[in-house]
Amino acid sequence: MQLYRKEELTHNMEIKEMGGKKMKAMLVFAFCIEYIKDKVMERLSQAINGIDEEDVHWVVTVPAIWNDQARQFMIEASAKAGIGKDNLTLALEPEGAAICCKYIAMDKKKSGDATELKAFDENSRFMVVDLGGGTIDITVSEVLSTGQLREIYNATGGPWGGNYINDQIIQTLIEVVGWSVMGMLKSDDFDDYLQLMKNVEEKKRGITYDSELSLTITKDLQKKIEIPEKYKKDVRKEKKRIKISSNMMKKIFASSVDSMMKHVDRLLEKDETKLVSSILLVGGYAACDFVQRAFREKFEKRYRIIFPLGSDMIVLKGAVISGHLVEAIVGRMAKYHYGLGLSTEAVSGHILSVGESNGEKQFFSLIKKGQKINVGDVVTEYKVVLTAKTQWTNIEVYTTEEDTPKTVIDEEHFTKVGNINVRLPQFKQESTLALTISYDETEFKVVARDENTGCCFVGNCQFLEKEIKPFLASTTRI
């Protein structure tokens, strides 16, 4: 969730562990990925004699609503874990779910199963709501005649996942037992505190709309709990347990569920989503009775509501399937306006002149919000006239969520998301640099060509702030 909340991520970003100690986020992510990778290799080695890490292509899933910086963060954390970029695919989680469900539908169709998922017929449009622990991640896609999927509305969502419910339950317990009691439990009996957190997660998953929540507590905690008068109607303690009433649980779930329902309803009113016929709910939180009831009551009369069996594994299975497919997703929609930030004035068309800074940076649009982006295709082309005699040019990349972007960049409306750092020979005269920008799965690829010398540079836009290094992977004279 820190990667979702942070507008400007850096390599040195710190996060706090539960005890309050600060740690480098990059190292924490890398160690987690490395641990899983090593466990996978251990099992594979038992099954396949002589297998090597280079024989495995790795797929790491990320929320679709994460920005470009967060995605690059995961790529670099994976690299630190020993997974090279050439051997890695990032899969967007709701797309992984859609691919898995489509695969199941095709399999059922071949076998003549009457329960075929109609959501994946040719030209059908469907919404995937991936309900995870942190975020609710939503994509809207259509099925092409080739069987591939194309996004028809940009990925959206919010921080209304299952962990939000955990936080609300803990907050309720704190209000009931007091800050001092919970603080002492956390500082003096940290293992018991972690066990309580685990108990909250497990019990929350199985709770139904009309049932109360029963949590196991230690004898010491039970002795210290004195339930205030205003909570006695909804909270009571029994031997080794504390119970929260169904009415209070409905209030706890209401904020998360109401927020996602309003968001989905707004999305389904968009012109681009008018032909959506099915809504698929996947992820661990999709099994929640409160969520399922809300979607059925709100949308079942207008849409086919699908809760695939094993919804908590759908994303994982879809990610594996996508790793075996070539371009399972052929097109996406831009979530923001992307553009260059240059201290410059437009000369004509897509020709820009980089000169002395006058203190203002103008925004030159690369990609428009809502623009259809086909994977592998050239998104846009620009020519930059370099007037300074330098071996470096640093072209900044900005985003804005404004429907109509302003021409001058300011902190309120724009976010700097990356740099295109180009190393060039020392110029003795004015030179023109042709930039070609294409979209490759989850990243932008930049080709910079010096029209005077014929040198061509290829690389990816750097979306994480760090020490400036040549971003270019290769240099070829053509």
Protein backbone atom coordinates (compact mmCIF):
# COMPACT_ATOMS: atom_id res chain seq x y z
CA MET A 1 0.00 0.00 0.00
CA GLN A 2 2.97 2.32 0.48
CA LEU A 3 3.73 1.93 -3.23
CA TYR A 4 0.12 2.90 -4.00
CA ARG A 5 0.02 5.91 -1.69
CA LYS A 6 3.39 7.46 -2.53
CA GLU A 7 3.13 9.88 -5.46
CA GLU A 8 6.90 10.08 -5.95
CA LEU A 9 8.78 6.88 -5.17
CA THR A 10 12.53 6.65 -4.72
CA HIS A 11 15.01 3.80 -4.39
CA ASN A 12 15.69 4.84 -0.80
CA MET A 13 12.06 4.91 0.36
CA GLU A 14 11.64 3.58 3.91
CA ILE A 15 8.72 1.71 5.44
CA LYS A 16 8.00 0.84 9.07
CA GLU A 17 7.68 -2.69 10.39
CA MET A 18 4.97 -3.36 12.99
CA GLY A 19 7.27 -2.48 15.87
CA GLY A 20 7.98 0.94 14.34
CA LYS A 21 11.51 0.28 13.05
CA LYS A 22 12.29 1.86 9.66
CA MET A 23 13.61 -0.37 6.88
CA LYS A 24 14.52 0.14 3.23
CA ALA A 25 11.42 -0.82 1.23
CA MET A 26 13.49 -2.04 -1.73
CA LEU A 27 15.32 -4.55 0.46
CA VAL A 28 12.12 -5.78 2.14
CA PHE A 29 10.44 -6.38 -1.23
CA ALA A 30 13.57 -8.00 -2.66
CA PHE A 31 13.94 -10.40 0.29
CA CYS A 32 10.27 -11.43 0.04
CA ILE A 33 10.52 -12.10 -3.69
CA GLU A 34 13.81 -13.96 -3.25
CA TYR A 35 12.31 -16.17 -0.53
CA ILE A 36 9.38 -17.17 -2.75
CA LYS A 37 11.69 -17.67 -5.74
CA ASP A 38 13.97 -19.97 -3.74
CA LYS A 39 11.00 -22.02 -2.49
CA VAL A 40 9.72 -22.41 -6.06
CA MET A 41 13.14 -23.51 -7.31
CA GLU A 42 13.43 -25.98 -4.44
CA ARG A 43 10.14 -27.64 -5.45
CA LEU A 44 10.95 -27.54 -9.18
CA SER A 45 14.33 -29.14 -8.58
CA GLN A 46 12.61 -32.04 -6.84
CA ALA A 47 10.32 -32.54 -9.84
CA ILE A 48 12.67 -31.77 -12.75
CA ASN A 49 16.25 -33.01 -12.64
CA GLY A 50 18.88 -30.48 -13.65
CA ILE A 51 16.59 -27.45 -13.88
CA ASP A 52 18.30 -24.07 -13.57
CA GLU A 53 16.93 -20.64 -12.58
CA GLU A 54 17.51 -19.41 -16.13
CA ASP A 55 15.10 -22.10 -17.37
CA VAL A 56 12.23 -20.41 -15.53
CA HIS A 57 10.39 -17.32 -16.72
CA TRP A 58 9.07 -15.43 -13.72
CA VAL A 59 5.78 -13.50 -13.53
CA VAL A 60 5.24 -10.94 -10.77
CA THR A 61 1.70 -9.61 -10.32
CA VAL A 62 0.96 -5.97 -9.44
CA PRO A 63 -2.25 -3.96 -8.99
CA ALA A 64 -3.41 -2.35 -12.23
CA ILE A 65 -3.93 0.98 -10.46
CA TRP A 66 -0.27 1.25 -9.46
CA ASN A 67 1.59 3.99 -11.29
CA ASP A 68 4.66 3.57 -13.48
CA GLN A 69 7.06 4.27 -10.61
CA ALA A 70 5.59 1.49 -8.46
CA ARG A 71 5.84 -0.97 -11.37
CA GLN A 72 9.49 -0.10 -11.95
CA PHE A 73 10.07 -0.46 -8.20
CA MET A 74 8.89 -4.08 -8.48
CA ILE A 75 11.11 -4.71 -11.50
CA GLU A 76 14.17 -3.49 -9.61
CA ALA A 77 13.23 -5.36 -6.42
CA SER A 78 12.93 -8.51 -8.54
CA ALA A 79 16.37 -7.82 -10.02
CA LYS A 80 17.83 -7.61 -6.50
CA ALA A 81 16.14 -10.95 -5.80
CA GLY A 82 18.00 -12.52 -8.72
CA ILE A 83 15.31 -12.25 -11.42
CA GLY A 84 16.74 -10.43 -14.43
CA LYS A 85 14.56 -8.08 -16.46
CA ASP A 86 14.83 -10.28 -19.56
CA ASN A 87 13.42 -13.18 -17.55
CA LEU A 88 10.59 -11.25 -15.91
CA THR A 89 7.03 -10.29 -16.85
CA LEU A 90 4.85 -7.94 -14.84
CA ALA A 91 1.21 -9.05 -14.91
CA LEU A 92 -1.60 -6.74 -13.90
CA GLU A 93 -3.72 -8.59 -11.35
CA PRO A 94 -7.26 -8.11 -12.75
CA GLU A 95 -5.96 -8.96 -16.22
CA GLY A 96 -4.48 -12.17 -14.83
CA ALA A 97 -7.90 -12.97 -13.38
CA ALA A 98 -9.60 -12.31 -16.73
CA ILE A 99 -7.11 -14.51 -18.59
CA CYS A 100 -7.68 -17.38 -16.15
CA CYS A 101 -11.48 -17.11 -16.34
CA LYS A 102 -11.33 -16.96 -20.13
CA TYR A 103 -9.11 -20.06 -20.15
CA ILE A 104 -11.65 -21.88 -17.96
CA ALA A 105 -14.47 -20.80 -20.28
CA MET A 106 -12.63 -22.09 -23.37
CA ASP A 107 -11.93 -25.39 -21.62
CA LYS A 108 -15.60 -25.80 -20.68
CA LYS A 109 -16.67 -24.92 -24.22
CA LYS A 110 -14.43 -27.63 -25.67
CA SER A 111 -15.83 -30.21 -23.26
CA GLY A 112 -19.44 -29.19 -23.91
CA ASP A 113 -19.97 -28.11 -20.31
CA ALA A 114 -23.32 -26.33 -19.93
CA THR A 115 -21.84 -23.99 -17.32
CA GLU A 116 -19.68 -22.22 -19.89
CA LEU A 117 -18.86 -18.64 -18.91
CA LYS A 118 -20.73 -16.56 -21.49
CA ALA A 119 -18.79 -13.48 -20.41
CA PHE A 120 -15.96 -14.50 -22.77
CA ASP A 121 -17.81 -14.94 -26.06
CA GLU A 122 -16.39 -12.96 -29.00
CA ASN A 123 -17.11 -9.20 -28.77
CA SER A 124 -18.43 -9.50 -25.21
CA ARG A 125 -17.45 -6.84 -22.69
CA PHE A 126 -16.88 -7.53 -19.03
CA MET A 127 -15.61 -5.94 -15.83
CA VAL A 128 -13.14 -7.62 -13.48
CA VAL A 129 -13.18 -6.46 -9.85
CA ASP A 130 -10.10 -7.80 -8.09
CA LEU A 131 -10.67 -7.50 -4.36
CA GLY A 132 -7.30 -7.88 -2.67
CA GLY A 133 -5.97 -7.16 0.78
CA GLY A 134 -4.92 -3.58 0.09
CA THR A 135 -6.60 -2.35 -3.06
CA ILE A 136 -9.74 -2.90 -5.10
CA ASP A 137 -8.49 -3.13 -8.69
CA ILE A 138 -10.92 -2.78 -11.61
CA THR A 139 -10.44 -3.27 -15.36
CA VAL A 140 -12.97 -3.34 -18.20
CA SER A 141 -12.12 -5.39 -21.31
CA GLU A 142 -13.59 -6.79 -24.50
CA VAL A 143 -12.90 -10.12 -26.19
CA LEU A 144 -11.53 -9.81 -29.73
CA SER A 145 -12.13 -12.26 -32.58
CA THR A 146 -8.57 -13.56 -32.02
CA GLY A 147 -9.48 -14.49 -28.44
CA GLN A 148 -7.19 -11.76 -27.09
CA LEU A 149 -8.38 -9.12 -24.64
CA ARG A 150 -8.35 -5.35 -25.10
CA GLU A 151 -8.89 -2.84 -22.32
CA ILE A 152 -11.73 -0.41 -23.10
CA TYR A 153 -11.47 1.79 -20.00
CA ASN A 154 -8.41 2.66 -17.97
CA ALA A 155 -7.74 0.70 -14.77
CA THR A 156 -9.23 2.25 -11.64
CA GLY A 157 -9.82 1.35 -8.01
CA GLY A 158 -9.04 2.42 -4.48
CA PRO A 159 -7.73 1.45 -1.01
CA TRP A 160 -10.87 -0.43 0.07
CA GLY A 161 -9.48 -3.96 0.28
CA GLY A 162 -9.80 -6.55 3.02
CA ASN A 163 -7.03 -5.02 5.14
CA TYR A 164 -9.23 -1.97 5.61
CA ILE A 165 -11.71 -4.21 7.46
CA ASN A 166 -8.88 -5.59 9.63
CA ASP A 167 -7.88 -2.04 10.53
CA GLN A 168 -11.46 -1.14 11.45
CA ILE A 169 -11.80 -4.23 13.66
CA ILE A 170 -8.52 -3.42 15.45
CA GLN A 171 -9.63 0.21 15.84
CA THR A 172 -12.88 -1.03 17.41
CA LEU A 173 -10.90 -3.23 19.82
CA ILE A 174 -8.67 -0.30 20.74
CA GLU A 175 -11.73 1.85 21.50
CA VAL A 176 -13.21 -0.95 23.62
CA VAL A 177 -10.15 -2.11 25.56
CA GLY A 178 -8.27 1.19 25.52
CA TRP A 179 -5.08 2.43 23.87
CA SER A 180 -2.95 1.61 26.90
CA VAL A 181 -4.04 -2.05 27.05
CA MET A 182 -3.46 -2.63 23.31
CA GLY A 183 -0.18 -0.72 23.51
CA MET A 184 1.04 -2.91 26.35
CA LEU A 185 0.04 -6.06 24.46
CA LYS A 186 1.97 -4.88 21.43
CA SER A 187 5.10 -3.90 23.34
CA ASP A 188 5.20 -6.61 26.01
CA ASP A 189 3.63 -9.62 24.28
CA PHE A 190 4.34 -9.06 20.60
CA ASP A 191 3.77 -12.74 19.68
CA ASP A 192 0.31 -12.58 21.27
CA TYR A 193 -0.37 -9.35 19.39
CA LEU A 194 0.58 -10.99 16.06
CA GLN A 195 -1.60 -13.98 16.93
CA LEU A 196 -4.53 -11.60 17.51
CA MET A 197 -3.91 -9.99 14.09
CA LYS A 198 -3.88 -13.42 12.48
CA ASN A 199 -7.10 -14.35 14.28
CA VAL A 200 -8.79 -11.16 13.00
CA GLU A 201 -7.80 -12.04 9.41
CA GLU A 202 -9.00 -15.64 9.63
CA LYS A 203 -12.31 -14.92 11.37
CA LYS A 204 -13.11 -11.94 9.13
CA ARG A 205 -12.99 -14.12 6.00
CA GLY A 206 -15.68 -16.50 7.24
CA ILE A 207 -18.11 -14.03 8.77
CA THR A 208 -21.60 -13.82 7.24
CA TYR A 209 -23.99 -10.90 7.01
CA ASP A 210 -26.00 -11.81 10.12
CA SER A 211 -23.27 -13.35 12.28
CA GLU A 212 -21.11 -11.91 15.04
CA LEU A 213 -17.32 -11.92 15.09
CA SER A 214 -15.71 -14.09 17.76
CA LEU A 215 -12.00 -13.50 18.49
CA THR A 216 -9.75 -15.61 20.70
CA ILE A 217 -7.85 -13.59 23.32
CA THR A 218 -5.31 -14.45 26.00
CA LYS A 219 -6.18 -14.76 29.67
CA ASP A 220 -4.05 -11.73 30.51
CA LEU A 221 -5.85 -9.58 27.93
CA GLN A 222 -9.23 -10.82 29.12
CA LYS A 223 -8.43 -9.77 32.69
CA LYS A 224 -7.44 -6.27 31.57
CA ILE A 225 -10.55 -5.67 29.43
CA GLU A 226 -13.31 -3.58 30.96
CA ILE A 227 -15.93 -2.91 28.29
CA PRO A 228 -17.30 0.68 28.48
CA GLU A 229 -21.03 1.09 28.97
CA LYS A 230 -21.63 2.50 25.48
CA TYR A 231 -20.18 -0.68 23.87
CA LYS A 232 -21.89 -3.30 26.06
CA LYS A 233 -24.74 -3.67 23.57
CA ASP A 234 -22.36 -4.62 20.75
CA VAL A 235 -19.27 -6.07 22.45
CA ARG A 236 -19.04 -8.70 25.14
CA LYS A 237 -16.32 -10.88 26.58
CA GLU A 238 -16.57 -14.55 27.35
CA LYS A 239 -14.04 -17.13 28.49
CA LYS A 240 -11.00 -16.69 26.21
CA ARG A 241 -13.10 -14.73 23.67
CA ILE A 242 -14.33 -11.27 22.81
CA LYS A 243 -17.40 -11.03 20.56
CA ILE A 244 -18.54 -8.19 18.32
CA SER A 245 -22.22 -8.07 17.34
CA SER A 246 -23.53 -8.47 13.78
CA ASN A 247 -24.83 -4.86 13.83
CA MET A 248 -21.38 -3.47 14.59
CA MET A 249 -19.80 -5.74 11.96
CA LYS A 250 -22.25 -4.35 9.39
CA LYS A 251 -21.07 -0.85 10.27
CA ILE A 252 -17.41 -1.92 10.01
CA PHE A 253 -17.92 -3.42 6.54
CA ALA A 254 -20.18 -0.61 5.32
CA SER A 255 -17.47 1.98 4.64
CA SER A 256 -15.36 -0.34 2.47
CA VAL A 257 -18.30 -1.95 0.65
CA ASP A 258 -20.18 1.32 0.06
CA SER A 259 -17.07 2.99 -1.38
CA MET A 260 -16.44 0.21 -3.88
CA MET A 261 -20.13 -0.02 -4.86
CA LYS A 262 -20.32 3.71 -5.60
CA HIS A 263 -17.10 3.51 -7.62
CA VAL A 264 -18.30 0.52 -9.70
CA ASP A 265 -21.68 2.20 -10.26
CA ARG A 266 -19.99 5.35 -11.58
CA LEU A 267 -17.80 3.27 -13.90
CA LEU A 268 -20.80 1.44 -15.36
CA GLU A 269 -22.40 4.77 -16.24
CA LYS A 270 -19.51 5.71 -18.56
CA ASP A 271 -20.10 5.66 -22.31
CA GLU A 272 -17.22 3.20 -22.78
CA THR A 273 -18.81 0.66 -20.42
CA LYS A 274 -22.40 0.75 -21.72
CA LEU A 275 -22.11 -2.68 -23.37
CA VAL A 276 -20.64 -4.46 -20.34
CA SER A 277 -22.72 -7.58 -19.66
CA SER A 278 -20.80 -9.37 -16.89
CA ILE A 279 -19.00 -8.52 -13.66
CA LEU A 280 -16.38 -10.97 -12.34
CA LEU A 281 -15.37 -10.73 -8.69
CA VAL A 282 -12.01 -12.30 -7.83
CA GLY A 283 -9.41 -12.13 -5.06
CA GLY A 284 -9.56 -13.24 -1.44
CA TYR A 285 -11.95 -10.46 -0.39
CA ALA A 286 -14.42 -11.53 -3.13
CA ALA A 287 -15.40 -14.52 -0.97
CA CYS A 288 -16.76 -12.16 1.69
CA ASP A 289 -20.52 -12.55 2.25
CA PHE A 290 -20.96 -8.76 2.68
CA VAL A 291 -19.34 -8.08 -0.70
CA GLN A 292 -21.24 -10.78 -2.58
CA ARG A 293 -24.57 -9.69 -1.09
CA ALA A 294 -23.94 -6.04 -2.01
CA PHE A 295 -23.07 -6.82 -5.64
CA ARG A 296 -26.08 -9.09 -6.07
CA GLU A 297 -28.50 -6.56 -4.61
CA LYS A 298 -27.10 -3.66 -6.62
CA PHE A 299 -26.25 -5.16 -10.01
CA GLU A 300 -27.77 -8.62 -10.50
CA LYS A 301 -30.84 -7.33 -12.39
CA ARG A 302 -28.69 -5.66 -15.04
CA TYR A 303 -25.50 -7.75 -15.19
CA ARG A 304 -24.33 -11.34 -14.94
CA ILE A 305 -22.46 -11.52 -11.61
CA ILE A 306 -19.77 -14.22 -11.56
CA PHE A 307 -17.89 -15.46 -8.50
CA PRO A 308 -15.40 -18.04 -9.88
CA LEU A 309 -14.59 -20.95 -7.60
CA GLY A 310 -11.21 -20.56 -5.91
CA SER A 311 -11.32 -16.80 -6.48
CA ASP A 312 -8.28 -16.28 -4.23
CA MET A 313 -6.11 -18.31 -6.67
CA ILE A 314 -7.52 -16.91 -9.93
CA VAL A 315 -4.95 -14.11 -10.27
CA LEU A 316 -2.03 -16.48 -9.60
CA LYS A 317 -3.22 -19.02 -12.15
CA GLY A 318 -3.94 -16.32 -14.73
CA ALA A 319 -0.45 -14.88 -14.27
CA VAL A 320 1.08 -18.30 -15.00
CA ILE A 321 -1.11 -18.71 -18.10
CA SER A 322 -0.14 -15.20 -19.32
CA GLY A 323 3.52 -16.17 -18.98
CA HIS A 324 2.96 -18.85 -21.61
CA LEU A 325 1.00 -16.65 -24.03
CA VAL A 326 2.20 -14.13 -26.58
CA GLU A 327 0.33 -10.84 -26.15
CA ALA A 328 -2.70 -12.12 -24.27
CA ILE A 329 -3.54 -8.44 -23.71
CA VAL A 330 -3.20 -6.44 -26.93
CA GLY A 331 -4.33 -3.01 -25.79
CA ARG A 332 -4.76 -0.80 -22.74
CA MET A 333 -6.11 2.66 -21.93
CA ALA A 334 -3.92 5.44 -20.55
CA LYS A 335 -4.85 6.38 -16.97
CA TYR A 336 -3.24 9.84 -17.18
CA HIS A 337 -1.98 12.40 -19.66
CA TYR A 338 1.74 11.72 -20.18
CA GLY A 339 4.01 14.43 -21.52
CA LEU A 340 7.45 15.97 -21.66
CA GLY A 341 8.42 18.84 -19.38
CA LEU A 342 10.75 21.16 -21.26
CA SER A 343 11.95 24.73 -20.81
CA THR A 344 11.21 25.39 -24.43
CA GLU A 345 8.90 26.78 -27.02
CA ALA A 346 7.30 24.71 -29.77
CA VAL A 347 8.79 25.46 -33.15
CA SER A 348 6.33 23.59 -35.34
CA GLY A 349 4.28 20.45 -34.97
CA HIS A 350 6.26 17.84 -33.08
CA ILE A 351 9.57 19.73 -33.33
CA LEU A 352 10.83 21.21 -30.07
CA SER A 353 13.82 23.42 -29.34
CA VAL A 354 15.72 22.93 -26.08
CA GLY A 355 17.37 26.17 -25.08
CA GLU A 356 18.00 28.25 -21.98
CA SER A 357 15.47 27.82 -19.14
CA ASN A 358 13.22 30.78 -18.39
CA GLY A 359 12.03 29.20 -15.12
CA GLU A 360 8.89 27.68 -16.62
CA LYS A 361 8.45 24.20 -18.02
CA GLN A 362 5.92 23.63 -20.74
CA PHE A 363 3.95 20.40 -21.05
CA PHE A 364 4.16 18.66 -24.43
CA SER A 365 1.66 15.83 -24.60
CA LEU A 366 2.88 12.32 -25.45
CA ILE A 367 -0.20 10.30 -24.53
CA LYS A 368 -3.69 11.56 -23.79
CA LYS A 369 -5.76 10.34 -20.86
CA GLY A 370 -8.04 7.55 -22.06
CA GLN A 371 -6.00 7.05 -25.25
CA LYS A 372 -5.96 3.50 -26.60
CA ILE A 373 -2.45 2.05 -26.50
CA ASN A 374 -1.66 -1.06 -28.51
CA VAL A 375 1.14 -3.16 -27.05
CA GLY A 376 4.32 -2.82 -29.12
CA ASP A 377 3.05 0.04 -31.29
CA VAL A 378 4.67 3.46 -31.50
CA VAL A 379 2.69 5.77 -29.26
CA THR A 380 4.15 9.06 -30.44
CA GLU A 381 7.18 10.68 -32.05
CA TYR A 382 8.94 13.94 -31.23
CA LYS A 383 11.94 15.76 -32.61
CA VAL A 384 13.99 17.74 -30.11
CA VAL A 385 16.42 20.40 -31.34
CA LEU A 386 19.45 20.53 -29.02
CA THR A 387 21.06 23.93 -28.97
CA ALA A 388 23.32 23.45 -25.92
CA LYS A 389 26.81 22.01 -26.41
CA THR A 390 26.48 19.12 -23.99
CA GLN A 391 26.86 15.37 -23.87
CA TRP A 392 23.72 14.98 -21.77
CA THR A 393 20.11 15.94 -22.23
CA ASN A 394 17.64 15.22 -19.46
CA ILE A 395 14.04 15.20 -20.64
CA GLU A 396 11.55 15.01 -17.81
CA VAL A 397 8.30 13.02 -18.03
CA TYR A 398 5.17 14.28 -16.25
CA THR A 399 1.63 13.06 -15.71
CA THR A 400 -1.60 14.88 -14.94
CA GLU A 401 -5.08 13.62 -14.15
CA GLU A 402 -6.73 16.80 -15.44
CA ASP A 403 -9.16 16.17 -18.32
CA THR A 404 -7.68 19.15 -20.18
CA PRO A 405 -4.00 19.52 -19.22
CA LYS A 406 -2.51 22.96 -18.69
CA THR A 407 0.34 24.09 -20.93
CA VAL A 408 2.63 25.23 -18.07
CA ILE A 409 3.69 22.64 -15.47
CA ASP A 410 3.02 23.35 -11.79
CA GLU A 411 3.19 21.19 -8.64
CA GLU A 412 -0.57 21.28 -8.04
CA HIS A 413 -1.63 19.73 -11.35
CA PHE A 414 1.39 17.71 -12.49
CA THR A 415 3.50 14.87 -11.07
CA LYS A 416 7.01 14.17 -12.27
CA VAL A 417 7.19 10.42 -12.90
CA GLY A 418 10.49 9.93 -14.68
CA ASN A 419 13.35 11.04 -16.86
CA ILE A 420 14.63 10.21 -20.31
CA ASN A 421 18.39 10.56 -19.84
CA VAL A 422 20.23 10.54 -23.14
CA ARG A 423 24.02 10.54 -23.44
CA LEU A 424 25.24 11.96 -26.74
CA PRO A 425 28.54 12.97 -28.39
CA GLN A 426 29.78 16.53 -27.75
CA PHE A 427 27.92 18.74 -30.20
CA LYS A 428 29.74 21.46 -32.08
CA GLN A 429 26.55 22.61 -33.79
CA GLU A 430 22.82 22.47 -33.34
CA SER A 431 21.55 18.90 -33.52
CA THR A 432 18.14 17.24 -33.78
CA LEU A 433 17.22 14.25 -31.64
CA ALA A 434 14.28 12.14 -32.86
CA LEU A 435 12.42 10.42 -30.00
CA THR A 436 10.17 7.45 -30.75
CA ILE A 437 8.13 6.22 -27.78
CA SER A 438 6.36 2.85 -27.78
CA TYR A 439 4.46 0.83 -25.20
CA ASP A 440 5.64 -2.67 -24.38
CA GLU A 441 3.29 -4.52 -22.00
CA THR A 442 3.68 -2.48 -18.78
CA GLU A 443 6.54 -0.14 -19.74
CA PHE A 444 7.40 2.67 -22.13
CA LYS A 445 10.35 2.11 -24.44
CA VAL A 446 12.25 5.07 -25.85
CA VAL A 447 14.37 5.12 -28.99
CA ALA A 448 16.46 8.28 -29.41
CA ARG A 449 18.14 8.89 -32.79
CA ASP A 450 20.61 11.66 -33.50
CA GLU A 451 19.71 12.76 -37.03
CA ASN A 452 23.17 14.30 -37.61
CA THR A 453 25.33 11.33 -36.65
CA GLY A 454 22.90 8.45 -37.13
CA CYS A 455 23.51 7.16 -33.59
CA CYS A 456 20.50 5.30 -32.23
CA PHE A 457 19.91 4.71 -28.52
CA VAL A 458 17.39 2.28 -27.03
CA GLY A 459 16.17 2.07 -23.45
CA ASN A 460 13.27 2.41 -21.05
CA CYS A 461 12.03 5.56 -19.38
CA GLN A 462 13.49 5.79 -15.87
CA PHE A 463 10.52 6.12 -13.50
CA LEU A 464 12.40 6.02 -10.18
CA GLU A 465 14.46 8.89 -8.85
CA LYS A 466 18.11 7.98 -8.38
CA GLU A 467 21.63 8.96 -9.35
CA ILE A 468 21.66 9.86 -13.04
CA LYS A 469 23.17 7.15 -15.18
CA PRO A 470 22.89 6.44 -18.89
CA PHE A 471 19.41 5.02 -19.31
CA LEU A 472 20.33 3.59 -22.67
CA ALA A 473 20.75 -0.16 -22.91
CA SER A 474 22.57 -0.11 -26.24
CA THR A 475 24.14 2.26 -28.71
CA THR A 476 24.18 1.48 -32.42
CA ARG A 477 25.26 3.55 -35.41
CA ILE A 478 22.77 3.19 -38.26
